[in-house]
């Protein structure tokens, strides 16, 4: 398995961790009855670290399909070079640090780290052209 595919695998694990963290914070706030219920009623948004964790997960869900598509397309085309290598690594490590920084509530650094993961996506895209 090449590095790009390893980063894809690690990113899937990161997504699962984020999903479990978000679900745990949500269940703690709204209770087990809500967590196992139909969720027909709207609940107020989570605040603090729980809310930041949920928002980080939603942000992850916006960018992950792009990352997965680019890595899988590169693999299908047999394209493996320094741009795909750097792109995949920047995306994964950027997303990991983004989660930690967002959970910690560090405002400006969060945006900078998000930009690192975006650079990873752009590098992957450039490599395919």
N, C-alpha and C. Protein backbone atom coordinates (compact mmCIF):
# COMPACT_ATOMS: atom_id res chain seq x y z
N UNK A 1 0.85 -1.17 0.00
CA UNK A 1 0.00 0.00 0.00
C UNK A 1 0.90 1.24 0.00
N UNK A 2 0.65 2.15 -0.96
CA UNK A 2 1.49 3.34 -1.01
C UNK A 2 1.05 4.35 0.07
N UNK A 3 1.85 5.38 0.22
CA UNK A 3 1.62 6.36 1.28
C UNK A 3 0.28 7.06 1.12
N UNK A 4 -0.09 7.38 -0.12
CA UNK A 4 -1.37 8.07 -0.34
C UNK A 4 -2.54 7.22 0.15
N UNK A 5 -2.50 5.93 -0.13
CA UNK A 5 -3.57 5.03 0.33
C UNK A 5 -3.53 4.86 1.85
N UNK A 6 -2.34 4.86 2.43
CA UNK A 6 -2.24 4.81 3.89
C UNK A 6 -2.88 6.06 4.51
N UNK A 7 -2.62 7.22 3.90
CA UNK A 7 -3.21 8.46 4.41
C UNK A 7 -4.74 8.41 4.28
N UNK A 8 -5.23 7.81 3.20
CA UNK A 8 -6.68 7.65 3.05
C UNK A 8 -7.23 6.75 4.16
N UNK A 9 -6.56 5.66 4.42
CA UNK A 9 -6.97 4.76 5.49
C UNK A 9 -6.94 5.46 6.85
N UNK A 10 -5.86 6.16 7.13
CA UNK A 10 -5.75 6.89 8.40
C UNK A 10 -6.82 7.98 8.52
N UNK A 11 -7.17 8.60 7.39
CA UNK A 11 -8.18 9.64 7.41
C UNK A 11 -9.56 9.05 7.68
N UNK A 12 -9.82 7.86 7.17
CA UNK A 12 -11.09 7.18 7.49
C UNK A 12 -11.15 6.91 8.99
N UNK A 13 -10.06 6.44 9.57
CA UNK A 13 -10.02 6.20 11.02
C UNK A 13 -10.25 7.52 11.77
N UNK A 14 -9.61 8.59 11.32
CA UNK A 14 -9.81 9.90 11.93
C UNK A 14 -11.28 10.32 11.85
N UNK A 15 -11.92 10.07 10.73
CA UNK A 15 -13.34 10.38 10.59
C UNK A 15 -14.20 9.59 11.57
N UNK A 16 -13.88 8.32 11.75
CA UNK A 16 -14.62 7.50 12.71
C UNK A 16 -14.43 8.01 14.13
N UNK A 17 -13.21 8.39 14.47
CA UNK A 17 -12.93 8.94 15.80
C UNK A 17 -13.73 10.23 16.01
N UNK A 18 -13.75 11.09 14.99
CA UNK A 18 -14.51 12.33 15.10
C UNK A 18 -16.00 12.06 15.27
N UNK A 19 -16.51 11.09 14.52
CA UNK A 19 -17.92 10.74 14.62
C UNK A 19 -18.25 10.25 16.03
N UNK A 20 -17.40 9.40 16.59
CA UNK A 20 -17.64 8.89 17.93
C UNK A 20 -17.53 9.99 18.99
N UNK A 21 -16.57 10.88 18.82
CA UNK A 21 -16.44 12.01 19.76
C UNK A 21 -17.69 12.90 19.70
N UNK A 22 -18.11 13.23 18.48
CA UNK A 22 -19.29 14.08 18.32
C UNK A 22 -20.53 13.40 18.91
N UNK A 23 -20.69 12.11 18.68
CA UNK A 23 -21.84 11.38 19.22
C UNK A 23 -21.78 11.32 20.74
N UNK A 24 -20.60 11.15 21.29
CA UNK A 24 -20.45 11.10 22.75
C UNK A 24 -20.80 12.43 23.38
N UNK A 25 -20.28 13.52 22.85
CA UNK A 25 -20.61 14.85 23.40
C UNK A 25 -22.09 15.14 23.27
N UNK A 26 -22.68 14.75 22.14
CA UNK A 26 -24.10 15.01 21.92
C UNK A 26 -24.95 14.20 22.89
N UNK A 27 -24.63 12.93 23.05
CA UNK A 27 -25.40 12.08 23.97
C UNK A 27 -25.26 12.55 25.42
N UNK A 28 -24.06 13.02 25.78
CA UNK A 28 -23.88 13.53 27.14
C UNK A 28 -24.73 14.76 27.38
N UNK A 29 -24.85 15.62 26.37
CA UNK A 29 -25.61 16.86 26.53
C UNK A 29 -27.12 16.63 26.52
N UNK A 30 -27.60 15.83 25.58
CA UNK A 30 -29.04 15.66 25.39
C UNK A 30 -29.61 14.43 26.08
N UNK A 31 -28.75 13.52 26.50
CA UNK A 31 -29.20 12.34 27.24
C UNK A 31 -29.36 11.11 26.36
N UNK A 32 -29.37 9.98 27.03
CA UNK A 32 -29.48 8.69 26.35
C UNK A 32 -30.83 8.54 25.65
N UNK A 33 -31.89 9.02 26.28
CA UNK A 33 -33.22 8.93 25.67
C UNK A 33 -33.23 9.62 24.32
N UNK A 34 -32.63 10.80 24.24
CA UNK A 34 -32.57 11.51 22.96
C UNK A 34 -31.69 10.75 21.98
N UNK A 35 -30.56 10.25 22.44
CA UNK A 35 -29.61 9.56 21.57
C UNK A 35 -30.23 8.32 20.92
N UNK A 36 -31.07 7.62 21.66
CA UNK A 36 -31.69 6.41 21.13
C UNK A 36 -33.08 6.67 20.56
N UNK A 37 -33.54 7.90 20.65
CA UNK A 37 -34.88 8.25 20.18
C UNK A 37 -34.91 8.61 18.70
N UNK A 38 -36.06 9.10 18.27
CA UNK A 38 -36.28 9.45 16.87
C UNK A 38 -35.75 10.84 16.52
N UNK A 39 -35.42 11.62 17.51
CA UNK A 39 -34.87 12.97 17.32
C UNK A 39 -35.81 13.86 16.52
N UNK A 40 -37.09 13.76 16.84
CA UNK A 40 -38.09 14.55 16.13
C UNK A 40 -38.07 16.02 16.52
N UNK A 41 -37.62 16.32 17.73
CA UNK A 41 -37.62 17.72 18.16
C UNK A 41 -36.23 18.32 18.02
N UNK A 42 -36.20 19.61 17.68
CA UNK A 42 -34.94 20.32 17.56
C UNK A 42 -34.35 20.57 18.93
N UNK A 43 -33.04 20.49 19.01
CA UNK A 43 -32.33 20.75 20.25
C UNK A 43 -31.42 21.95 20.04
N UNK A 44 -31.14 22.67 21.12
CA UNK A 44 -30.21 23.80 20.97
C UNK A 44 -28.82 23.28 20.60
N UNK A 45 -28.05 24.09 19.88
CA UNK A 45 -26.71 23.65 19.49
C UNK A 45 -25.82 23.44 20.71
N UNK A 46 -24.89 22.51 20.57
CA UNK A 46 -23.92 22.28 21.64
C UNK A 46 -22.99 23.48 21.75
N UNK A 47 -22.53 23.74 22.94
CA UNK A 47 -21.58 24.81 23.18
C UNK A 47 -20.28 24.22 23.70
N UNK A 48 -19.25 25.04 23.75
CA UNK A 48 -17.97 24.62 24.31
C UNK A 48 -17.30 23.57 23.46
N UNK A 49 -16.51 22.73 24.12
CA UNK A 49 -15.71 21.73 23.41
C UNK A 49 -16.60 20.75 22.64
N UNK A 50 -17.76 20.43 23.18
CA UNK A 50 -18.67 19.53 22.47
C UNK A 50 -19.14 20.13 21.16
N UNK A 51 -19.54 21.38 21.19
CA UNK A 51 -19.98 22.05 19.99
C UNK A 51 -18.86 22.19 18.97
N UNK A 52 -17.67 22.51 19.44
CA UNK A 52 -16.53 22.63 18.52
C UNK A 52 -16.19 21.28 17.89
N UNK A 53 -16.33 20.21 18.66
CA UNK A 53 -16.06 18.87 18.13
C UNK A 53 -17.06 18.51 17.05
N UNK A 54 -18.33 18.80 17.29
CA UNK A 54 -19.37 18.52 16.30
C UNK A 54 -19.13 19.34 15.04
N UNK A 55 -18.80 20.62 15.20
CA UNK A 55 -18.54 21.47 14.03
C UNK A 55 -17.30 21.01 13.26
N UNK A 56 -16.28 20.55 13.97
CA UNK A 56 -15.08 20.02 13.29
C UNK A 56 -15.44 18.79 12.47
N UNK A 57 -16.31 17.95 13.00
CA UNK A 57 -16.74 16.76 12.27
C UNK A 57 -17.54 17.14 11.03
N UNK A 58 -18.43 18.13 11.16
CA UNK A 58 -19.18 18.59 9.99
C UNK A 58 -18.23 19.14 8.92
N UNK A 59 -17.21 19.87 9.34
CA UNK A 59 -16.24 20.41 8.40
C UNK A 59 -15.46 19.27 7.73
N UNK A 60 -15.12 18.25 8.49
CA UNK A 60 -14.44 17.08 7.95
C UNK A 60 -15.29 16.44 6.85
N UNK A 61 -16.58 16.32 7.12
CA UNK A 61 -17.49 15.69 6.15
C UNK A 61 -17.59 16.49 4.86
N UNK A 62 -17.31 17.78 4.90
CA UNK A 62 -17.35 18.59 3.69
C UNK A 62 -16.14 18.36 2.80
N UNK A 63 -14.99 18.10 3.39
CA UNK A 63 -13.77 17.98 2.60
C UNK A 63 -13.34 16.55 2.32
N UNK A 64 -13.74 15.60 3.16
CA UNK A 64 -13.28 14.23 2.99
C UNK A 64 -13.65 13.62 1.64
N UNK A 65 -14.87 13.81 1.12
CA UNK A 65 -15.17 13.22 -0.19
C UNK A 65 -14.23 13.70 -1.30
N UNK A 66 -13.84 14.96 -1.23
CA UNK A 66 -12.89 15.48 -2.22
C UNK A 66 -11.54 14.77 -2.10
N UNK A 67 -11.08 14.62 -0.86
CA UNK A 67 -9.80 13.95 -0.62
C UNK A 67 -9.86 12.50 -1.11
N UNK A 68 -10.89 11.79 -0.73
CA UNK A 68 -11.02 10.39 -1.13
C UNK A 68 -11.06 10.25 -2.65
N UNK A 69 -11.84 11.12 -3.30
CA UNK A 69 -11.94 11.05 -4.76
C UNK A 69 -10.58 11.29 -5.41
N UNK A 70 -9.84 12.28 -4.92
CA UNK A 70 -8.53 12.59 -5.52
C UNK A 70 -7.52 11.47 -5.30
N UNK A 71 -7.48 10.91 -4.11
CA UNK A 71 -6.54 9.82 -3.84
C UNK A 71 -6.90 8.58 -4.66
N UNK A 72 -8.19 8.26 -4.73
CA UNK A 72 -8.60 7.08 -5.50
C UNK A 72 -8.40 7.29 -6.99
N UNK A 73 -8.62 8.50 -7.47
CA UNK A 73 -8.38 8.80 -8.88
C UNK A 73 -6.89 8.68 -9.21
N UNK A 74 -6.06 9.21 -8.33
CA UNK A 74 -4.61 9.08 -8.53
C UNK A 74 -4.20 7.61 -8.57
N UNK A 75 -4.77 6.82 -7.67
CA UNK A 75 -4.43 5.39 -7.65
C UNK A 75 -4.92 4.70 -8.92
N UNK A 76 -6.13 5.02 -9.36
CA UNK A 76 -6.67 4.39 -10.56
C UNK A 76 -5.86 4.74 -11.79
N UNK A 77 -5.32 5.95 -11.81
CA UNK A 77 -4.51 6.38 -12.95
C UNK A 77 -3.04 5.98 -12.81
N UNK A 78 -2.70 5.36 -11.68
CA UNK A 78 -1.32 4.97 -11.44
C UNK A 78 -0.40 6.16 -11.26
N UNK A 79 -0.97 7.24 -10.78
CA UNK A 79 -0.20 8.48 -10.62
C UNK A 79 0.28 8.59 -9.17
N UNK A 80 1.58 8.51 -9.01
CA UNK A 80 2.19 8.57 -7.68
C UNK A 80 3.47 9.38 -7.82
N UNK A 81 3.47 10.58 -7.24
CA UNK A 81 4.67 11.41 -7.30
C UNK A 81 4.75 12.26 -6.03
N UNK A 82 5.70 13.18 -6.03
CA UNK A 82 5.88 13.98 -4.81
C UNK A 82 4.65 14.85 -4.50
N UNK A 83 3.93 15.30 -5.52
CA UNK A 83 2.75 16.12 -5.27
C UNK A 83 1.64 15.31 -4.62
N UNK A 84 1.41 14.08 -5.10
CA UNK A 84 0.37 13.26 -4.48
C UNK A 84 0.78 12.85 -3.05
N UNK A 85 2.07 12.58 -2.90
CA UNK A 85 2.58 12.21 -1.57
C UNK A 85 2.41 13.36 -0.58
N UNK A 86 2.87 14.56 -0.96
CA UNK A 86 2.74 15.72 -0.08
C UNK A 86 1.28 16.09 0.14
N UNK A 87 0.50 16.04 -0.93
CA UNK A 87 -0.91 16.41 -0.82
C UNK A 87 -1.66 15.53 0.16
N UNK A 88 -1.48 14.23 0.06
CA UNK A 88 -2.17 13.30 0.95
C UNK A 88 -1.72 13.48 2.40
N UNK A 89 -0.43 13.68 2.59
CA UNK A 89 0.07 13.85 3.96
C UNK A 89 -0.36 15.18 4.57
N UNK A 90 -0.31 16.24 3.77
CA UNK A 90 -0.76 17.54 4.29
C UNK A 90 -2.24 17.50 4.67
N UNK A 91 -3.03 16.84 3.84
CA UNK A 91 -4.45 16.75 4.15
C UNK A 91 -4.66 16.00 5.47
N UNK A 92 -4.09 14.81 5.59
CA UNK A 92 -4.30 14.02 6.81
C UNK A 92 -3.81 14.74 8.05
N UNK A 93 -2.56 15.16 8.05
CA UNK A 93 -2.00 15.80 9.25
C UNK A 93 -2.71 17.12 9.53
N UNK A 94 -3.08 17.83 8.48
CA UNK A 94 -3.84 19.06 8.67
C UNK A 94 -5.17 18.80 9.34
N UNK A 95 -5.87 17.76 8.92
CA UNK A 95 -7.17 17.43 9.51
C UNK A 95 -7.02 16.97 10.96
N UNK A 96 -5.98 16.21 11.25
CA UNK A 96 -5.76 15.76 12.62
C UNK A 96 -5.49 16.94 13.54
N UNK A 97 -4.59 17.81 13.12
CA UNK A 97 -4.26 18.98 13.95
C UNK A 97 -5.46 19.92 14.03
N UNK A 98 -6.20 20.04 12.93
CA UNK A 98 -7.41 20.89 12.92
C UNK A 98 -8.38 20.46 14.02
N UNK A 99 -8.63 19.16 14.12
CA UNK A 99 -9.53 18.66 15.16
C UNK A 99 -9.04 19.06 16.54
N UNK A 100 -7.77 18.83 16.81
CA UNK A 100 -7.22 19.13 18.14
C UNK A 100 -7.25 20.63 18.44
N UNK A 101 -6.89 21.43 17.45
CA UNK A 101 -6.88 22.89 17.65
C UNK A 101 -8.30 23.43 17.81
N UNK A 102 -9.22 22.90 17.02
CA UNK A 102 -10.62 23.34 17.13
C UNK A 102 -11.20 22.95 18.49
N UNK A 103 -10.95 21.73 18.92
CA UNK A 103 -11.44 21.30 20.23
C UNK A 103 -10.87 22.17 21.34
N UNK A 104 -9.62 22.59 21.19
CA UNK A 104 -8.98 23.45 22.19
C UNK A 104 -9.48 24.89 22.12
N UNK A 105 -10.15 25.25 21.03
CA UNK A 105 -10.71 26.59 20.90
C UNK A 105 -9.71 27.66 20.49
N UNK A 106 -8.67 27.28 19.75
CA UNK A 106 -7.65 28.23 19.32
C UNK A 106 -8.09 28.80 17.96
N UNK A 107 -8.66 29.99 17.97
CA UNK A 107 -9.34 30.56 16.80
C UNK A 107 -8.48 30.68 15.55
N UNK A 108 -7.48 31.51 15.55
CA UNK A 108 -6.75 31.83 14.33
C UNK A 108 -5.90 30.67 13.84
N UNK A 109 -5.34 29.92 14.76
CA UNK A 109 -4.55 28.76 14.38
C UNK A 109 -5.43 27.72 13.69
N UNK A 110 -6.68 27.61 14.13
CA UNK A 110 -7.61 26.67 13.52
C UNK A 110 -7.74 26.94 12.02
N UNK A 111 -7.90 28.20 11.65
CA UNK A 111 -8.06 28.55 10.24
C UNK A 111 -6.77 28.28 9.47
N UNK A 112 -5.64 28.57 10.06
CA UNK A 112 -4.36 28.31 9.41
C UNK A 112 -4.18 26.82 9.15
N UNK A 113 -4.51 26.00 10.13
CA UNK A 113 -4.37 24.55 9.97
C UNK A 113 -5.35 24.02 8.92
N UNK A 114 -6.56 24.59 8.90
CA UNK A 114 -7.53 24.22 7.87
C UNK A 114 -6.94 24.49 6.49
N UNK A 115 -6.25 25.63 6.35
CA UNK A 115 -5.64 25.99 5.08
C UNK A 115 -4.57 24.98 4.67
N UNK A 116 -3.86 24.42 5.63
CA UNK A 116 -2.86 23.39 5.32
C UNK A 116 -3.53 22.19 4.67
N UNK A 117 -4.66 21.76 5.22
CA UNK A 117 -5.36 20.62 4.61
C UNK A 117 -5.88 20.97 3.23
N UNK A 118 -6.29 22.21 3.04
CA UNK A 118 -6.75 22.67 1.72
C UNK A 118 -5.59 22.64 0.72
N UNK A 119 -4.41 23.05 1.15
CA UNK A 119 -3.23 22.99 0.28
C UNK A 119 -3.00 21.53 -0.15
N UNK A 120 -3.20 20.60 0.78
CA UNK A 120 -3.07 19.19 0.43
C UNK A 120 -4.02 18.78 -0.69
N UNK A 121 -5.26 19.23 -0.61
CA UNK A 121 -6.23 18.93 -1.67
C UNK A 121 -5.80 19.54 -3.00
N UNK A 122 -5.33 20.77 -2.95
CA UNK A 122 -4.90 21.46 -4.17
C UNK A 122 -3.70 20.76 -4.80
N UNK A 123 -2.76 20.31 -3.99
CA UNK A 123 -1.61 19.58 -4.52
C UNK A 123 -2.04 18.31 -5.21
N UNK A 124 -2.96 17.58 -4.61
CA UNK A 124 -3.48 16.37 -5.23
C UNK A 124 -4.14 16.69 -6.58
N UNK A 125 -4.91 17.75 -6.60
CA UNK A 125 -5.58 18.16 -7.83
C UNK A 125 -4.58 18.55 -8.91
N UNK A 126 -3.60 19.35 -8.55
CA UNK A 126 -2.57 19.77 -9.51
C UNK A 126 -1.83 18.55 -10.07
N UNK A 127 -1.56 17.59 -9.21
CA UNK A 127 -0.82 16.39 -9.65
C UNK A 127 -1.57 15.63 -10.74
N UNK A 128 -2.88 15.74 -10.73
CA UNK A 128 -3.68 14.97 -11.69
C UNK A 128 -3.86 15.67 -13.02
N UNK A 129 -3.45 16.93 -13.11
CA UNK A 129 -3.58 17.66 -14.38
C UNK A 129 -2.35 17.55 -15.23
